[in-house]
Amino acid sequence: MKRLAAAISLAAVLAAPAAARAGFSPNDPLSPRQWYLDSDRAFDAFDVLPLLKPVRVAVIDSGIDAGHPELKGRILDARSFVGGTTTDVQGHGTFVAGEIAAWTDNARGIAGLAPPARLLVAKVVRDDGSIPPRAEARAIRWAVRSGARVINLSLGSLRSPVGSETGFSYPEQRAVEYAVQNGVLVVAAVGNGDGAPTTPWPYANYPAALPHVLGVAAYARSGDVPKFSNRDDVYVDLAAPGQDMLSLFPRALTAHNPSCGEQGYSSCGPKEYRHADGTSFSSPQVAAAAALLFGQAPWLQADQVSNLLERSAVDATPANGCDACSGGRDSLTGFGRLDVAAAIHDLTKPPAADRFEPNDDVGSRAAVSYPRRFRATLDAWDDPNDVYRIKLRRGQHVSVLVRAADTDVSLALWKPALHSLAEARDGLRARRSIHPLGAPERLGYRARKSGWYSLQVKLAQPGFGQYAIRIARS
């Protein structure tokens, strides 16, 4: 079960290196207590608060305090998928929404990390704290249809590959695939180990452990990763602050503490929220960073934004506070700590886009329509396989050429009888090609029967990068 200003052009923003700019300091009185703003370098890329193109960000959570002054004009739509109203009676959703979209530089309260964010709020948490997977799946699809470019999922189900508790939900998986197919970036917390058999827990929760989802772990003020933050060699992609957090809180709940003067903020909430901990509060910072990138460069695709955030991260090492981090990508922080300013600066050299995702398997999950020549990407952690469907007549010949400068790839052509890569075996393979790193991959085959064949382009060893492919039939 799941738990829980002035307009400024991109060229002007990026004209000088980040270190040469003073950075923008919001005038919100509680912002000095938001230590994560400085740690994320949230506003270091700007001298003044920029006016960016609005970006729809979906917060799928416990609802919202829609009347909160810090969220006035920030909520485009809200809907409950568990009955009743969208009112947040637990506080979690309002906290998450505040990190992303609270008004910035309004001389009041806290500063949200993403000034361009406009919220689509989906309530999927029942009063008892449970989250029906089908409600979550419906909410994801609604958010996509409502124009979300980013979806934040600060929720999860325990994943235990070695035990009986898998946490896997087919409706959740299909909904996430639907989001990816429609160009939406899905960001999710990797989960807290408090409900796991041991802590720290070595597996990221679902949905962070689904392909193409940007999984976010937590780190503390010291730079170390707290024990509650789940580890994972594959599905932890980034880390962001997740201890001693301050954000918004439903005013109806802070009113239970009338002696506290900061009504509507988590400092007046119940004990577990006054200095909130959890990967739930790390994930929205990455979602906010994604919204900033989309606001700066609306033409970006979701996989480009994910790539920018990952490759601009600050490597976590013992030298900067993460005692158990090894340097390079690791199971605690993935590519490292979120660095918003660096990601914005890297917009000058955006990574290649891959418009065919999620083409990760054969059959209906493969890319059906393709040009003769195109480019795509592979990533050992989120996208180790690309599959393309090729219709061949009996006797027809297909030839494939793949060039990959930075990655070692191999090719396999599968017969029409294969229905899933999980069932792949030698008897169902029509042809394969494996060459040394740096050499072009070539594959040729003459069909013995008519049907839809599946061309698999896969990583032969860990890495990430772009490849160019040519498919010809004769």
Protein backbone atom coordinates (compact mmCIF):
# COMPACT_ATOMS: atom_id res chain seq x y z
CA MET A 1 0.00 0.00 0.00
CA LYS A 2 1.29 3.49 -0.85
CA ARG A 3 2.10 6.13 1.81
CA LEU A 4 2.83 8.74 2.12
CA ALA A 5 10.63 40.90 -11.45
CA ALA A 6 11.51 41.49 -14.89
CA ALA A 7 11.45 39.65 -18.19
CA ILE A 8 14.83 38.31 -19.19
CA SER A 9 15.87 36.39 -22.29
CA LEU A 10 17.55 33.00 -22.19
CA ALA A 11 20.59 34.45 -23.90
CA ALA A 12 20.91 37.14 -21.24
CA VAL A 13 20.53 34.64 -18.42
CA LEU A 14 23.27 32.45 -19.82
CA ALA A 15 25.61 35.14 -21.11
CA ALA A 16 27.86 34.97 -18.05
CA PRO A 17 29.01 31.91 -16.11
CA ALA A 18 26.94 31.13 -13.03
CA ALA A 19 29.82 31.99 -10.69
CA ALA A 20 29.94 35.53 -12.11
CA ARG A 21 26.30 36.32 -11.35
CA ALA A 22 25.19 37.56 -7.98
CA GLY A 23 22.03 35.47 -7.99
CA PHE A 24 18.52 36.50 -7.10
CA SER A 25 17.50 36.67 -3.43
CA PRO A 26 13.74 36.48 -2.80
CA ASN A 27 12.27 38.85 -0.22
CA ASP A 28 9.99 36.23 1.35
CA PRO A 29 10.62 36.51 5.11
CA LEU A 30 10.78 32.75 5.76
CA SER A 31 13.09 32.03 2.82
CA PRO A 32 16.28 32.18 4.97
CA ARG A 33 14.91 29.12 6.78
CA GLN A 34 14.49 27.27 3.49
CA TRP A 35 18.04 25.96 3.47
CA TYR A 36 17.23 23.94 0.38
CA LEU A 37 16.99 27.10 -1.77
CA ASP A 38 20.71 27.75 -1.39
CA SER A 39 21.63 24.09 -1.56
CA ASP A 40 19.74 23.64 -4.83
CA ARG A 41 21.16 26.94 -6.16
CA ALA A 42 17.55 27.57 -7.06
CA PHE A 43 17.93 31.22 -8.08
CA ASP A 44 21.65 31.50 -8.75
CA ALA A 45 21.14 31.60 -12.52
CA PHE A 46 19.16 34.85 -12.31
CA ASP A 47 20.03 38.39 -11.30
CA VAL A 48 16.32 39.22 -11.13
CA LEU A 49 13.27 37.00 -10.93
CA PRO A 50 12.49 36.14 -14.57
CA LEU A 51 9.09 36.07 -16.21
CA LEU A 52 8.96 32.64 -17.80
CA LYS A 53 6.37 30.83 -19.86
CA PRO A 54 3.84 29.16 -17.50
CA VAL A 55 4.37 25.43 -17.05
CA ARG A 56 1.68 23.03 -15.84
CA VAL A 57 2.90 20.85 -12.99
CA ALA A 58 0.68 18.09 -11.59
CA VAL A 59 0.83 17.37 -7.87
CA ILE A 60 -0.75 13.97 -7.32
CA ASP A 61 -1.03 13.72 -3.58
CA SER A 62 -3.37 14.28 -0.60
CA GLY A 63 -5.12 17.37 -1.96
CA ILE A 64 -4.56 21.08 -1.41
CA ASP A 65 -5.49 24.06 0.72
CA ALA A 66 -6.86 25.85 -2.33
CA GLY A 67 -7.51 29.06 -0.41
CA HIS A 68 -3.98 29.45 0.89
CA PRO A 69 -2.77 33.01 0.12
CA GLU A 70 0.58 31.66 -1.08
CA LEU A 71 -1.23 29.61 -3.75
CA LYS A 72 -3.72 32.22 -4.94
CA GLY A 73 -3.75 32.16 -8.73
CA ARG A 74 -1.34 29.21 -8.85
CA ILE A 75 -3.90 26.38 -9.12
CA LEU A 76 -5.36 25.84 -12.58
CA ASP A 77 -7.51 22.85 -11.71
CA ALA A 78 -8.05 20.37 -8.88
CA ARG A 79 -9.88 17.07 -8.77
CA SER A 80 -10.40 14.25 -6.29
CA PHE A 81 -10.10 10.65 -7.44
CA VAL A 82 -11.05 9.19 -4.07
CA GLY A 83 -14.39 10.92 -3.61
CA GLY A 84 -15.24 14.04 -1.66
CA THR A 85 -13.47 17.34 -2.15
CA THR A 86 -9.85 18.17 -2.92
CA THR A 87 -9.38 19.68 0.56
CA ASP A 88 -6.12 18.51 2.11
CA VAL A 89 -6.89 17.06 5.53
CA GLN A 90 -3.41 15.59 6.01
CA GLY A 91 -1.07 18.36 4.88
CA HIS A 92 1.26 16.36 2.67
CA GLY A 93 -0.04 17.64 -0.67
CA THR A 94 -0.07 21.28 0.41
CA PHE A 95 3.50 20.95 1.69
CA VAL A 96 4.65 19.49 -1.64
CA ALA A 97 2.74 22.10 -3.64
CA GLY A 98 4.28 24.90 -1.59
CA GLU A 99 7.81 23.83 -2.39
CA ILE A 100 7.00 24.00 -6.08
CA ALA A 101 4.60 26.87 -6.52
CA ALA A 102 4.28 29.17 -3.49
CA TRP A 103 4.51 32.77 -4.65
CA THR A 104 8.12 33.90 -4.80
CA ASP A 105 9.33 37.39 -3.90
CA ASN A 106 5.94 38.55 -2.63
CA ALA A 107 7.28 39.66 0.77
CA ARG A 108 5.26 36.93 2.45
CA GLY A 109 6.03 33.51 3.87
CA ILE A 110 8.20 31.14 1.87
CA ALA A 111 9.54 31.17 -1.69
CA GLY A 112 8.46 28.50 -4.16
CA LEU A 113 11.22 27.11 -6.35
CA ALA A 114 9.35 27.35 -9.67
CA PRO A 115 7.82 30.77 -10.43
CA PRO A 116 6.45 29.53 -13.79
CA ALA A 117 4.63 26.56 -12.23
CA ARG A 118 0.85 26.39 -12.47
CA LEU A 119 -0.64 23.51 -10.53
CA LEU A 120 -2.92 20.67 -11.53
CA VAL A 121 -3.88 19.05 -8.23
CA ALA A 122 -5.12 15.47 -8.03
CA LYS A 123 -6.21 14.06 -4.69
CA VAL A 124 -5.53 10.31 -4.54
CA VAL A 125 -5.06 9.74 -0.79
CA ARG A 126 -7.96 8.41 1.24
CA ASP A 127 -8.62 9.64 4.75
CA ASP A 128 -6.87 6.55 6.15
CA GLY A 129 -3.71 7.42 4.21
CA SER A 130 -4.03 4.66 1.61
CA ILE A 131 -3.74 5.29 -2.12
CA PRO A 132 -5.75 3.10 -4.50
CA PRO A 133 -3.49 2.31 -7.49
CA ARG A 134 -6.35 2.80 -9.95
CA ALA A 135 -7.10 6.22 -8.48
CA GLU A 136 -3.46 7.17 -8.94
CA ALA A 137 -3.51 5.85 -12.52
CA ARG A 138 -6.66 7.84 -13.36
CA ALA A 139 -5.08 10.94 -11.85
CA ILE A 140 -1.94 10.56 -13.96
CA ARG A 141 -4.00 10.23 -17.14
CA TRP A 142 -6.13 13.23 -16.17
CA ALA A 143 -3.00 15.30 -15.58
CA VAL A 144 -1.63 14.36 -18.99
CA ARG A 145 -4.90 15.23 -20.72
CA SER A 146 -4.95 18.52 -18.78
CA GLY A 147 -1.63 19.58 -20.27
CA ALA A 148 0.86 18.77 -17.52
CA ARG A 149 4.48 18.88 -18.57
CA VAL A 150 5.71 17.60 -15.19
CA ILE A 151 4.04 15.18 -12.78
CA ASN A 152 5.26 14.93 -9.19
CA LEU A 153 4.57 11.69 -7.30
CA SER A 154 5.68 12.00 -3.67
CA LEU A 155 4.25 8.59 -2.91
CA GLY A 156 5.25 4.99 -3.37
CA SER A 157 4.84 1.28 -2.73
CA LEU A 158 7.52 -0.85 -1.15
CA ARG A 159 9.57 -2.77 -3.69
CA SER A 160 11.23 -5.95 -2.48
CA PRO A 161 12.59 -8.14 -5.31
CA VAL A 162 13.80 -10.72 -2.79
CA GLY A 163 10.56 -10.96 -0.80
CA SER A 164 6.84 -11.42 -1.24
CA GLU A 165 6.03 -7.68 -1.23
CA THR A 166 6.58 -6.37 -4.75
CA GLY A 167 4.54 -3.14 -4.65
CA PHE A 168 4.15 -3.35 -8.42
CA SER A 169 0.93 -2.01 -9.94
CA TYR A 170 0.11 -2.67 -13.58
CA PRO A 171 -2.37 0.28 -13.77
CA GLU A 172 0.34 2.55 -12.36
CA GLN A 173 2.89 1.29 -14.88
CA ARG A 174 0.53 1.76 -17.82
CA ALA A 175 -0.40 5.26 -16.65
CA VAL A 176 3.27 6.25 -16.35
CA GLU A 177 3.92 4.85 -19.84
CA TYR A 178 0.98 6.93 -21.09
CA ALA A 179 2.56 10.03 -19.56
CA VAL A 180 5.94 9.29 -21.13
CA GLN A 181 4.34 8.62 -24.52
CA ASN A 182 2.76 12.05 -24.32
CA GLY A 183 5.99 13.85 -23.49
CA VAL A 184 5.42 14.37 -19.75
CA LEU A 185 8.30 14.16 -17.28
CA VAL A 186 7.38 12.00 -14.27
CA VAL A 187 9.33 12.72 -11.06
CA ALA A 188 8.94 10.46 -8.02
CA ALA A 189 10.33 10.01 -4.53
CA VAL A 190 12.42 6.84 -4.17
CA GLY A 191 10.79 6.27 -0.80
CA ASN A 192 11.57 6.08 2.90
CA GLY A 193 12.69 2.88 4.56
CA ASP A 194 10.47 3.25 7.62
CA GLY A 195 8.05 0.64 6.24
CA ALA A 196 10.76 -1.67 4.89
CA PRO A 197 12.12 -4.81 6.56
CA THR A 198 15.45 -3.05 7.18
CA THR A 199 16.74 0.51 7.10
CA PRO A 200 18.38 1.71 4.96
CA TRP A 201 16.47 -0.19 2.28
CA PRO A 202 18.40 -1.08 -0.91
CA TYR A 203 15.50 -0.76 -3.34
CA ALA A 204 13.64 2.28 -4.64
CA ASN A 205 9.87 2.22 -4.30
CA TYR A 206 7.46 2.12 -7.19
CA PRO A 207 6.76 4.28 -9.19
CA ALA A 208 10.34 5.63 -8.94
CA ALA A 209 11.48 2.14 -9.98
CA LEU A 210 9.63 2.33 -13.32
CA PRO A 211 11.49 3.12 -16.56
CA HIS A 212 11.77 6.80 -17.55
CA VAL A 213 10.73 8.02 -14.08
CA LEU A 214 13.19 10.44 -12.47
CA GLY A 215 13.76 8.92 -9.01
CA VAL A 216 14.79 11.32 -6.24
CA ALA A 217 16.56 10.51 -2.96
CA ALA A 218 17.12 12.78 0.05
CA TYR A 219 20.15 14.34 1.65
CA ALA A 220 20.64 16.33 4.87
CA ARG A 221 22.17 19.73 5.65
CA SER A 222 25.48 17.98 6.31
CA GLY A 223 25.47 16.57 2.80
CA ASP A 224 25.08 13.01 4.03
CA VAL A 225 22.23 10.75 2.95
CA PRO A 226 19.96 9.89 5.90
CA LYS A 227 19.20 6.25 6.63
CA PHE A 228 15.53 6.64 5.76
CA SER A 229 16.29 7.46 2.10
CA ASN A 230 16.04 4.30 0.01
CA ARG A 231 19.09 3.25 -1.96
CA ASP A 232 19.15 1.74 -5.45
CA ASP A 233 21.92 1.13 -7.99
CA VAL A 234 19.54 1.67 -10.92
CA TYR A 235 16.53 3.74 -9.90
CA VAL A 236 18.01 6.48 -7.72
CA ASP A 237 18.73 9.19 -10.30
CA LEU A 238 19.22 12.37 -8.22
CA ALA A 239 19.26 13.61 -4.65
CA ALA A 240 17.76 16.79 -3.20
CA PRO A 241 17.39 18.15 0.35
CA GLY A 242 14.98 16.10 2.43
CA GLN A 243 15.58 16.91 6.10
CA ASP A 244 14.48 19.84 8.25
CA MET A 245 12.19 21.12 5.51
CA LEU A 246 9.86 24.15 5.68
CA SER A 247 6.86 24.71 3.39
CA LEU A 248 3.15 25.51 3.34
CA PHE A 249 0.58 23.70 5.46
CA PRO A 250 -3.24 23.78 5.41
CA ARG A 251 -4.48 26.67 7.51
CA ALA A 252 -7.27 24.53 8.94
CA LEU A 253 -4.61 22.28 10.42
CA THR A 254 -2.21 24.95 11.65
CA ALA A 255 -5.19 26.56 13.42
CA HIS A 256 -4.97 23.66 15.87
CA ASN A 257 -1.83 25.40 17.14
CA PRO A 258 -3.19 28.96 17.62
CA SER A 259 -0.18 30.10 19.67
CA CYS A 260 2.02 29.76 16.59
CA GLY A 261 2.20 32.98 14.61
CA GLU A 262 3.19 31.43 11.28
CA GLN A 263 -0.27 30.18 10.38
CA GLY A 264 -0.40 28.37 7.04
CA TYR A 265 3.20 27.16 7.27
CA SER A 266 4.57 23.81 8.35
CA SER A 267 6.33 25.40 11.32
CA CYS A 268 2.84 25.57 12.89
CA GLY A 269 1.91 22.03 11.86
CA PRO A 270 2.05 18.81 13.86
CA LYS A 271 5.41 17.56 15.09
CA GLU A 272 6.22 15.44 12.03
CA TYR A 273 5.89 18.47 9.76
CA ARG A 274 7.58 21.21 11.80
CA HIS A 275 10.97 19.98 10.63
CA ALA A 276 9.75 17.61 7.96
CA ASP A 277 11.91 14.74 6.73
CA GLY A 278 11.43 12.46 3.75
CA THR A 279 12.10 11.83 0.08
CA SER A 280 8.53 13.09 -0.44
CA PHE A 281 9.94 16.58 0.04
CA SER A 282 13.00 15.99 -2.14
CA SER A 283 11.03 15.03 -5.24
CA PRO A 284 9.11 18.33 -5.64
CA GLN A 285 12.38 20.27 -5.78
CA VAL A 286 13.37 18.28 -8.86
CA ALA A 287 9.87 18.73 -10.33
CA ALA A 288 10.24 22.48 -9.75
CA ALA A 289 13.66 22.49 -11.42
CA ALA A 290 12.11 20.73 -14.42
CA ALA A 291 9.40 23.40 -14.57
CA LEU A 292 12.07 26.11 -14.61
CA LEU A 293 13.80 24.42 -17.55
CA PHE A 294 10.55 24.05 -19.47
CA GLY A 295 9.72 27.67 -18.68
CA GLN A 296 13.09 28.79 -20.05
CA ALA A 297 13.00 26.52 -23.11
CA PRO A 298 9.45 25.28 -23.90
CA TRP A 299 10.75 23.33 -26.91
CA LEU A 300 12.58 20.84 -24.68
CA GLN A 301 11.34 17.27 -24.53
CA ALA A 302 10.91 15.43 -21.24
CA ASP A 303 13.92 13.16 -21.72
CA GLN A 304 16.11 16.19 -22.46
CA VAL A 305 15.06 17.84 -19.20
CA SER A 306 15.70 14.65 -17.26
CA ASN A 307 19.11 14.37 -18.89
CA LEU A 308 19.97 18.00 -18.12
CA LEU A 309 19.07 17.63 -14.46
CA GLU A 310 21.02 14.39 -14.07
CA ARG A 311 24.18 15.39 -15.92
CA SER A 312 24.44 18.81 -14.26
CA ALA A 313 24.16 17.35 -10.75
CA VAL A 314 26.95 17.83 -8.23
CA ASP A 315 28.73 14.55 -7.56
CA ALA A 316 28.26 13.52 -3.92
CA THR A 317 31.49 12.32 -2.28
CA PRO A 318 32.97 11.99 1.22
CA ALA A 319 34.78 15.27 0.57
CA ASN A 320 31.47 17.19 0.39
CA GLY A 321 29.69 15.39 3.20
CA CYS A 322 28.36 12.10 1.83
CA ASP A 323 30.45 9.62 3.80
CA ALA A 324 29.08 6.51 2.07
CA CYS A 325 29.13 7.93 -1.47
CA SER A 326 31.79 6.56 -3.76
CA GLY A 327 32.11 9.28 -6.38
CA GLY A 328 30.42 8.94 -9.73
CA ARG A 329 26.94 7.52 -9.98
CA ASP A 330 26.03 5.61 -6.81
CA SER A 331 23.07 3.95 -5.12
CA LEU A 332 22.56 6.78 -2.60
CA THR A 333 22.40 9.87 -4.81
CA GLY A 334 22.38 8.61 -8.40
CA PHE A 335 24.17 11.18 -10.54
CA GLY A 336 24.45 13.50 -7.53
CA ARG A 337 22.79 16.51 -5.91
CA LEU A 338 20.36 18.76 -7.73
CA ASP A 339 21.97 21.94 -9.09
CA VAL A 340 19.33 24.14 -10.69
CA ALA A 341 21.70 26.88 -11.85
CA ALA A 342 24.00 24.39 -13.56
CA ALA A 343 21.08 22.75 -15.35
CA ILE A 344 19.89 26.14 -16.62
CA HIS A 345 23.39 27.02 -17.76
CA ASP A 346 23.59 23.71 -19.66
CA LEU A 347 20.64 24.80 -21.81
CA THR A 348 23.30 26.24 -24.11
CA LYS A 349 24.19 22.66 -25.07
CA PRO A 350 21.02 20.59 -24.65
CA PRO A 351 21.28 16.80 -24.98
CA ALA A 352 19.76 14.95 -27.90
CA ALA A 353 16.05 14.19 -27.76
CA ASP A 354 14.47 10.77 -28.23
CA ARG A 355 10.95 11.14 -29.58
CA PHE A 356 10.13 7.42 -29.66
CA GLU A 357 9.98 6.72 -25.92
CA PRO A 358 8.87 4.56 -24.26
CA ASN A 359 9.76 1.97 -26.94
CA ASP A 360 11.18 -0.48 -24.43
CA ASP A 361 9.64 -3.77 -25.53
CA VAL A 362 8.29 -5.63 -28.54
CA GLY A 363 4.73 -5.59 -29.84
CA SER A 364 2.51 -2.63 -28.98
CA ARG A 365 5.24 -1.14 -26.77
CA ALA A 366 7.67 -0.77 -29.67
CA ALA A 367 7.99 2.24 -31.98
CA VAL A 368 5.86 1.44 -35.01
CA SER A 369 6.40 4.48 -37.19
CA TYR A 370 9.98 5.46 -37.94
CA PRO A 371 11.87 7.30 -40.71
CA ARG A 372 14.65 5.53 -42.58
CA ARG A 373 17.33 7.52 -40.76
CA PHE A 374 17.07 9.01 -37.30
CA ARG A 375 18.82 9.51 -33.98
CA ALA A 376 17.83 8.21 -30.55
CA THR A 377 19.38 7.69 -27.11
CA LEU A 378 20.04 4.89 -24.64
CA ASP A 379 20.57 5.06 -20.89
CA ALA A 380 21.68 2.09 -18.81
CA TRP A 381 19.54 3.17 -15.85
CA ASP A 382 16.26 4.27 -17.42
CA ASP A 383 16.38 3.21 -21.06
CA PRO A 384 18.71 0.27 -21.83
CA ASN A 385 16.59 -0.99 -24.77
CA ASP A 386 14.95 0.61 -27.79
CA VAL A 387 12.68 -1.52 -29.96
CA TYR A 388 11.41 -0.75 -33.46
CA ARG A 389 8.75 -2.74 -35.31
CA ILE A 390 9.56 -3.56 -38.93
CA LYS A 391 7.00 -5.14 -41.23
CA LEU A 392 8.58 -7.56 -43.68
CA ARG A 393 7.13 -9.66 -46.48
CA ARG A 394 8.42 -13.15 -47.05
CA GLY A 395 11.65 -12.85 -49.02
CA GLN A 396 12.08 -9.14 -48.23
CA HIS A 397 15.50 -8.03 -46.99
CA VAL A 398 16.21 -5.59 -44.18
CA SER A 399 19.57 -4.01 -43.42
CA VAL A 400 20.40 -1.98 -40.30
CA LEU A 401 23.38 0.24 -39.58
CA VAL A 402 23.95 1.85 -36.18
CA ARG A 403 26.76 4.23 -35.26
CA ALA A 404 27.31 5.11 -31.59
CA ALA A 405 30.38 7.14 -30.68
CA ASP A 406 30.06 7.09 -26.88
CA THR A 407 28.18 3.88 -26.14
CA ASP A 408 28.62 0.18 -26.84
CA VAL A 409 25.44 -1.11 -28.46
CA SER A 410 24.35 -4.39 -30.02
CA LEU A 411 21.46 -5.31 -32.29
CA ALA A 412 18.99 -8.17 -32.27
CA LEU A 413 16.19 -8.83 -34.76
CA TRP A 414 13.37 -10.86 -33.24
CA LYS A 415 10.83 -12.99 -35.06
CA PRO A 416 7.10 -12.10 -35.02
CA ALA A 417 6.43 -14.92 -32.51
CA LEU A 418 8.20 -13.00 -29.69
CA HIS A 419 5.69 -11.13 -27.52
CA SER A 420 7.99 -9.80 -24.78
CA LEU A 421 11.73 -9.34 -24.32
CA ALA A 422 11.31 -11.13 -21.02
CA GLU A 423 10.52 -14.28 -23.02
CA ALA A 424 13.40 -13.87 -25.49
CA ARG A 425 15.38 -17.00 -26.36
CA ASP A 426 17.67 -18.10 -29.16
CA GLY A 427 14.98 -19.87 -31.15
CA LEU A 428 13.02 -16.63 -31.53
CA ARG A 429 15.97 -14.52 -32.67
CA ALA A 430 16.29 -14.02 -36.41
CA ARG A 431 19.69 -12.29 -36.36
CA ARG A 432 22.04 -10.45 -34.03
CA SER A 433 25.13 -8.29 -34.31
CA ILE A 434 27.77 -7.54 -31.68
CA HIS A 435 30.87 -5.50 -32.48
CA PRO A 436 33.59 -3.80 -30.38
CA LEU A 437 33.02 -0.37 -28.88
CA GLY A 438 33.31 2.35 -31.52
CA ALA A 439 32.68 0.07 -34.51
CA PRO A 440 29.41 0.43 -36.49
CA GLU A 441 26.80 -2.21 -35.80
CA ARG A 442 25.45 -3.93 -38.92
CA LEU A 443 22.66 -6.43 -39.31
CA GLY A 444 21.09 -7.97 -42.39
CA TYR A 445 18.26 -10.47 -42.73
CA ARG A 446 15.96 -11.88 -45.40
CA ALA A 447 12.53 -12.74 -44.02
CA ARG A 448 11.48 -16.37 -44.16
CA LYS A 449 7.88 -15.44 -43.39
CA SER A 450 5.76 -12.31 -43.46
CA GLY A 451 5.04 -10.38 -40.27
CA TRP A 452 6.10 -7.69 -37.83
CA TYR A 453 9.71 -8.18 -36.75
CA SER A 454 11.23 -6.38 -33.75
CA LEU A 455 14.60 -4.67 -33.96
CA GLN A 456 16.19 -4.32 -30.51
CA VAL A 457 18.97 -1.78 -29.99
CA LYS A 458 20.47 -2.41 -26.58
CA LEU A 459 23.37 -1.28 -24.44
CA ALA A 460 26.10 -3.90 -24.26
CA GLN A 461 27.61 -2.30 -21.15
CA PRO A 462 26.60 0.47 -18.71
CA GLY A 463 26.59 4.00 -20.08
CA PHE A 464 24.43 6.52 -21.86
CA GLY A 465 24.53 8.37 -25.14
CA GLN A 466 23.16 8.93 -28.61
CA TYR A 467 23.18 6.65 -31.63
CA ALA A 468 22.38 7.16 -35.32
CA ILE A 469 20.43 4.41 -37.07
CA ARG A 470 19.57 3.62 -40.68
CA ILE A 471 16.95 1.00 -41.56
CA ALA A 472 16.51 -0.04 -45.19
CA ARG A 473 14.20 -2.62 -46.75
CA SER A 474 14.55 -4.07 -50.23
